[in-house]
Amino acid sequence: MKKTVLLIAIFCISLGAFAEDAESIVSASRDRIQSDTVFTRSKMVIRARNGSTSERVIEQYSKDGPNGDRTIIVFISPRNIAGTRFLTMNNPGKEDDRWIYLPETGRVRRISASGGSGSFMGTDFSYDDISSTSRDVALDTHTILREENFNGLACYVIQSIPKDKSFQYSKMLQWISKDEKIIFKIELYDKRNTHVKTAEMSGIKEIQGRRPTTVIQMTTLKSGSSTIITSEEIKYDEAIPDGMFTTAFLETGNVR
């Protein structure tokens, strides 16, 4: 859509280019690290408003599939939640399929799209937040708002508005570095367009020729609570059986 008529014409053309560029930038940020499989072992620290903390250890297995990424998260400790397993299956152009197994109930429960706003195991992350890294870029409308520095790095600030109104957020603002397309910050806004949570990524490391961020902190603004996930071990391209990405594995913990 950009002296009077000429300026409008040039502006229109620029907006169209920005919209196209925005989607490609977001896509590049999510596809930045190429690997058939990824394994991570992480420490999760949940900090309440009063300063008290609790810790958990999780393992995450991800693998490309015929329809996109598949990811399973397994809670290793503490004992009272060990064995909890969460599975996400990516569906191009649609919402992900998600299931969770809770040892205390002994059964697998499907997480509906409307349930995506629920807290993930008492953390500051929702189910939608946990599976957002595999969220199909086509599900949102992306626009470059501006360019600015974040922690000394030149970044694009990109607004992403979900096309599906059932999604828990009205918009997301992402700070993506111009050089490496690394996402360093995400602001999340609720249906009233209120800024409710902020995710910040840090701790870049060189691992097997890749440069992942190894720390993510999600802060809930209203409560003042936060959850920090630190990846202490990352392995790429190691064999992961397809049988792990099934509801049968969720229920038993065994690959059939």
Protein backbone atom coordinates (compact mmCIF):
# COMPACT_ATOMS: atom_id res chain seq x y z
CA MET A 1 0.00 0.00 0.00
CA LYS A 2 3.33 4.19 -0.58
CA LYS A 3 3.78 13.84 -3.22
CA THR A 4 -0.16 12.75 -2.49
CA VAL A 5 -1.15 9.86 -4.72
CA LEU A 6 2.43 8.70 -5.27
CA LEU A 7 3.13 8.52 -1.53
CA ILE A 8 0.02 6.41 -0.95
CA ALA A 9 0.98 4.03 -3.74
CA ILE A 10 4.49 3.51 -2.40
CA PHE A 11 3.13 2.97 1.11
CA CYS A 12 0.76 0.25 -0.11
CA ILE A 13 3.54 -1.56 -1.92
CA SER A 14 5.77 -1.39 1.14
CA LEU A 15 3.11 -2.85 3.43
CA GLY A 16 2.62 -5.77 1.10
CA ALA A 17 6.34 -6.50 1.02
CA PHE A 18 6.59 -6.21 4.80
CA ALA A 19 3.76 -8.71 5.31
CA GLU A 20 5.52 -11.18 3.04
CA ASP A 21 8.88 -10.59 4.67
CA ALA A 22 7.40 -10.93 8.14
CA GLU A 23 6.11 -14.43 7.45
CA SER A 24 9.40 -15.54 5.95
CA ILE A 25 11.32 -14.14 8.93
CA VAL A 26 9.11 -15.98 11.42
CA SER A 27 9.40 -19.14 9.35
CA ALA A 28 13.20 -18.81 9.24
CA SER A 29 13.33 -18.34 13.02
CA ARG A 30 11.42 -21.57 13.61
CA ASP A 31 13.38 -23.53 11.01
CA ARG A 32 16.74 -22.05 12.03
CA ILE A 33 18.13 -25.27 13.45
CA GLN A 34 17.97 -28.18 11.04
CA SER A 35 17.91 -31.64 12.56
CA ASP A 36 15.93 -34.82 12.06
CA THR A 37 15.75 -35.39 15.82
CA VAL A 38 16.48 -33.43 19.00
CA PHE A 39 16.88 -34.66 22.58
CA THR A 40 17.11 -32.29 25.54
CA ARG A 41 17.36 -32.79 29.28
CA SER A 42 16.36 -29.65 31.18
CA LYS A 43 15.92 -28.26 34.64
CA MET A 44 12.71 -26.35 35.26
CA VAL A 45 12.56 -23.84 38.13
CA ILE A 46 9.18 -22.40 39.10
CA ARG A 47 9.42 -19.20 41.16
CA ALA A 48 6.35 -17.92 42.98
CA ARG A 49 5.65 -14.27 43.74
CA ASN A 50 6.86 -14.71 47.33
CA GLY A 51 10.23 -16.00 46.11
CA SER A 52 9.70 -19.67 46.91
CA THR A 53 10.85 -22.11 44.25
CA SER A 54 10.27 -25.67 43.13
CA GLU A 55 12.34 -27.66 40.65
CA ARG A 56 11.59 -30.31 38.05
CA VAL A 57 13.67 -32.27 35.58
CA ILE A 58 12.25 -33.03 32.15
CA GLU A 59 13.40 -34.81 29.02
CA GLN A 60 12.14 -33.84 25.59
CA TYR A 61 12.29 -35.89 22.40
CA SER A 62 11.43 -34.33 19.02
CA LYS A 63 11.41 -35.87 15.56
CA ASP A 64 10.28 -34.95 12.06
CA GLY A 65 7.25 -36.86 10.89
CA PRO A 66 5.12 -37.18 7.76
CA ASN A 67 2.94 -34.24 8.89
CA GLY A 68 5.51 -32.18 10.78
CA ASP A 69 7.21 -32.18 14.16
CA ARG A 70 6.36 -34.65 16.86
CA THR A 71 7.43 -33.94 20.45
CA ILE A 72 7.11 -35.79 23.72
CA ILE A 73 8.03 -34.37 27.14
CA VAL A 74 8.70 -36.74 30.03
CA PHE A 75 8.90 -35.60 33.67
CA ILE A 76 11.79 -37.32 35.45
CA SER A 77 11.50 -35.67 38.89
CA PRO A 78 10.27 -34.90 41.51
CA ARG A 79 8.82 -38.24 42.46
CA ASN A 80 5.22 -37.06 42.80
CA ILE A 81 5.01 -36.14 39.10
CA ALA A 82 7.65 -38.45 37.62
CA GLY A 83 6.24 -40.39 34.69
CA THR A 84 3.96 -37.60 33.51
CA ARG A 85 4.18 -37.52 29.70
CA PHE A 86 2.97 -34.92 27.19
CA LEU A 87 2.72 -35.54 23.43
CA THR A 88 2.32 -32.95 20.64
CA MET A 89 1.72 -33.88 16.99
CA ASN A 90 2.01 -31.09 14.41
CA ASN A 91 -0.73 -30.68 11.79
CA PRO A 92 0.15 -28.31 8.91
CA GLY A 93 -2.44 -25.53 8.61
CA LYS A 94 -4.34 -26.73 11.68
CA GLU A 95 -3.98 -26.81 15.44
CA ASP A 96 -1.68 -29.42 16.92
CA ASP A 97 -2.97 -32.65 18.43
CA ARG A 98 -2.00 -32.89 22.12
CA TRP A 99 -2.36 -35.53 24.81
CA ILE A 100 -1.13 -35.83 28.40
CA TYR A 101 -0.70 -38.84 30.67
CA LEU A 102 -0.92 -38.29 34.43
CA PRO A 103 0.26 -41.22 36.60
CA GLU A 104 -2.18 -40.27 39.36
CA THR A 105 -5.13 -40.93 37.04
CA GLY A 106 -3.51 -43.74 35.07
CA ARG A 107 -5.00 -42.60 31.80
CA VAL A 108 -4.32 -40.48 28.73
CA ARG A 109 -6.29 -37.26 28.29
CA ARG A 110 -6.58 -35.30 25.05
CA ILE A 111 -5.98 -31.55 25.32
CA SER A 112 -8.54 -29.76 23.15
CA ALA A 113 -7.82 -26.51 21.32
CA SER A 114 -10.04 -24.70 23.84
CA GLY A 115 -7.95 -26.16 26.68
CA GLY A 116 -4.70 -24.75 25.33
CA SER A 117 -4.74 -21.84 27.79
CA GLY A 118 -4.52 -24.15 30.80
CA SER A 119 -1.36 -24.13 32.91
CA PHE A 120 1.13 -26.80 31.91
CA MET A 121 1.84 -28.77 35.08
CA GLY A 122 1.54 -25.73 37.37
CA THR A 123 4.10 -23.66 35.44
CA ASP A 124 3.83 -20.22 33.83
CA PHE A 125 3.64 -21.96 30.45
CA SER A 126 0.29 -22.90 28.97
CA TYR A 127 -0.18 -25.93 26.73
CA ASP A 128 -0.23 -23.50 23.77
CA ASP A 129 3.08 -22.01 24.93
CA ILE A 130 4.75 -25.41 25.16
CA SER A 131 3.82 -26.38 21.61
CA SER A 132 4.32 -22.89 20.11
CA THR A 133 7.74 -23.68 18.62
CA SER A 134 6.07 -26.10 16.21
CA ARG A 135 3.06 -23.84 15.54
CA ASP A 136 2.39 -23.57 11.81
CA VAL A 137 3.40 -20.11 10.55
CA ALA A 138 0.29 -20.07 8.32
CA LEU A 139 -2.00 -20.05 11.39
CA ASP A 140 -1.10 -16.40 12.09
CA THR A 141 -0.94 -13.10 10.17
CA HIS A 142 2.53 -11.59 10.57
CA THR A 143 3.54 -7.93 10.26
CA ILE A 144 6.84 -6.14 10.86
CA LEU A 145 6.11 -3.30 13.29
CA ARG A 146 9.59 -1.83 13.59
CA GLU A 147 13.26 -2.55 14.00
CA GLU A 148 15.05 -2.02 17.30
CA ASN A 149 17.92 -3.29 19.40
CA PHE A 150 17.40 -5.92 22.05
CA ASN A 151 20.34 -6.64 24.35
CA GLY A 152 22.62 -4.91 21.83
CA LEU A 153 21.40 -6.91 18.83
CA ALA A 154 19.47 -5.49 15.87
CA CYS A 155 16.05 -7.15 15.79
CA TYR A 156 12.82 -7.13 13.87
CA VAL A 157 9.74 -6.67 16.06
CA ILE A 158 7.04 -8.76 14.43
CA GLN A 159 3.38 -8.88 15.37
CA SER A 160 1.62 -12.19 14.88
CA ILE A 161 -2.18 -12.27 15.07
CA PRO A 162 -3.88 -15.71 15.19
CA LYS A 163 -6.41 -16.34 12.43
CA ASP A 164 -8.28 -18.74 14.72
CA LYS A 165 -10.16 -16.69 17.33
CA SER A 166 -10.28 -19.68 19.70
CA PHE A 167 -6.52 -19.37 20.28
CA GLN A 168 -5.84 -17.98 23.75
CA TYR A 169 -3.87 -14.92 22.64
CA SER A 170 -5.07 -11.94 20.59
CA LYS A 171 -1.53 -11.24 19.40
CA MET A 172 2.12 -12.04 19.96
CA LEU A 173 5.08 -9.66 19.52
CA GLN A 174 8.38 -11.33 18.68
CA TRP A 175 11.89 -9.85 18.77
CA ILE A 176 13.86 -11.75 16.12
CA SER A 177 17.53 -10.97 15.42
CA LYS A 178 18.21 -9.69 11.89
CA ASP A 179 21.38 -11.70 11.40
CA GLU A 180 20.70 -15.20 12.71
CA LYS A 181 16.89 -15.05 13.01
CA ILE A 182 17.02 -15.98 16.69
CA ILE A 183 13.88 -15.29 18.74
CA PHE A 184 14.99 -13.46 21.88
CA LYS A 185 11.70 -12.18 23.31
CA ILE A 186 7.97 -12.78 22.92
CA GLU A 187 5.21 -10.66 24.45
CA LEU A 188 1.83 -12.40 24.74
CA TYR A 189 -1.48 -10.50 24.83
CA ASP A 190 -4.85 -11.81 26.00
CA LYS A 191 -8.26 -11.33 24.34
CA ARG A 192 -8.57 -7.86 25.93
CA ASN A 193 -5.29 -6.95 24.23
CA THR A 194 -3.56 -6.78 27.62
CA HIS A 195 0.08 -7.79 27.85
CA VAL A 196 -0.09 -10.81 30.17
CA LYS A 197 3.15 -12.78 29.76
CA THR A 198 6.69 -12.35 28.47
CA ALA A 199 9.09 -15.05 27.31
CA GLU A 200 12.81 -14.29 27.04
CA MET A 201 15.40 -16.59 25.48
CA SER A 202 19.14 -16.53 26.19
CA GLY A 203 22.17 -18.74 26.73
CA ILE A 204 23.27 -19.30 23.12
CA LYS A 205 25.73 -22.19 22.84
CA GLU A 206 27.58 -23.95 20.04
CA ILE A 207 26.34 -27.56 19.96
CA GLN A 208 27.05 -29.92 17.08
CA GLY A 209 27.41 -27.02 14.63
CA ARG A 210 24.16 -25.38 15.77
CA ARG A 211 23.56 -22.33 17.97
CA PRO A 212 20.48 -22.94 20.09
CA THR A 213 19.26 -20.79 22.97
CA THR A 214 19.43 -22.89 26.11
CA VAL A 215 17.45 -20.78 28.58
CA ILE A 216 13.84 -19.64 28.36
CA GLN A 217 12.08 -17.64 31.08
CA MET A 218 8.33 -17.17 31.04
CA THR A 219 7.02 -14.44 33.36
CA THR A 220 3.37 -13.91 34.24
CA LEU A 221 2.96 -10.17 34.76
CA LYS A 222 -0.11 -10.15 37.01
CA SER A 223 1.12 -12.72 39.52
CA GLY A 224 4.83 -11.92 39.28
CA SER A 225 5.62 -15.62 39.04
CA SER A 226 8.06 -17.06 36.53
CA THR A 227 9.29 -20.35 35.17
CA ILE A 228 12.82 -20.86 33.86
CA ILE A 229 13.74 -23.85 31.69
CA THR A 230 17.48 -24.45 31.28
CA SER A 231 18.62 -27.09 28.80
CA GLU A 232 21.56 -28.89 30.40
CA GLU A 233 22.01 -31.47 27.64
CA ILE A 234 21.15 -31.25 23.92
CA LYS A 235 21.75 -33.91 21.28
CA TYR A 236 20.92 -33.70 17.58
CA ASP A 237 20.27 -36.42 15.01
CA GLU A 238 20.31 -39.35 17.42
CA ALA A 239 17.96 -42.25 16.76
CA ILE A 240 14.53 -41.87 18.40
CA PRO A 241 11.98 -44.65 17.73
CA ASP A 242 8.68 -43.63 16.13
CA GLY A 243 6.91 -45.65 18.82
CA MET A 244 7.65 -42.94 21.38
CA PHE A 245 5.23 -40.59 19.64
CA THR A 246 2.10 -42.59 20.35
CA THR A 247 -0.62 -42.59 22.99
CA ALA A 248 0.48 -46.15 23.81
CA PHE A 249 3.89 -44.85 24.89
CA LEU A 250 2.21 -42.09 26.86
CA GLU A 251 0.29 -44.68 28.84
CA THR A 252 3.00 -47.29 29.38
CA GLY A 253 6.34 -45.55 28.92
CA ASN A 254 7.37 -48.46 26.71
CA VAL A 255 8.02 -48.51 22.98
CA ARG A 256 6.03 -51.23 21.23
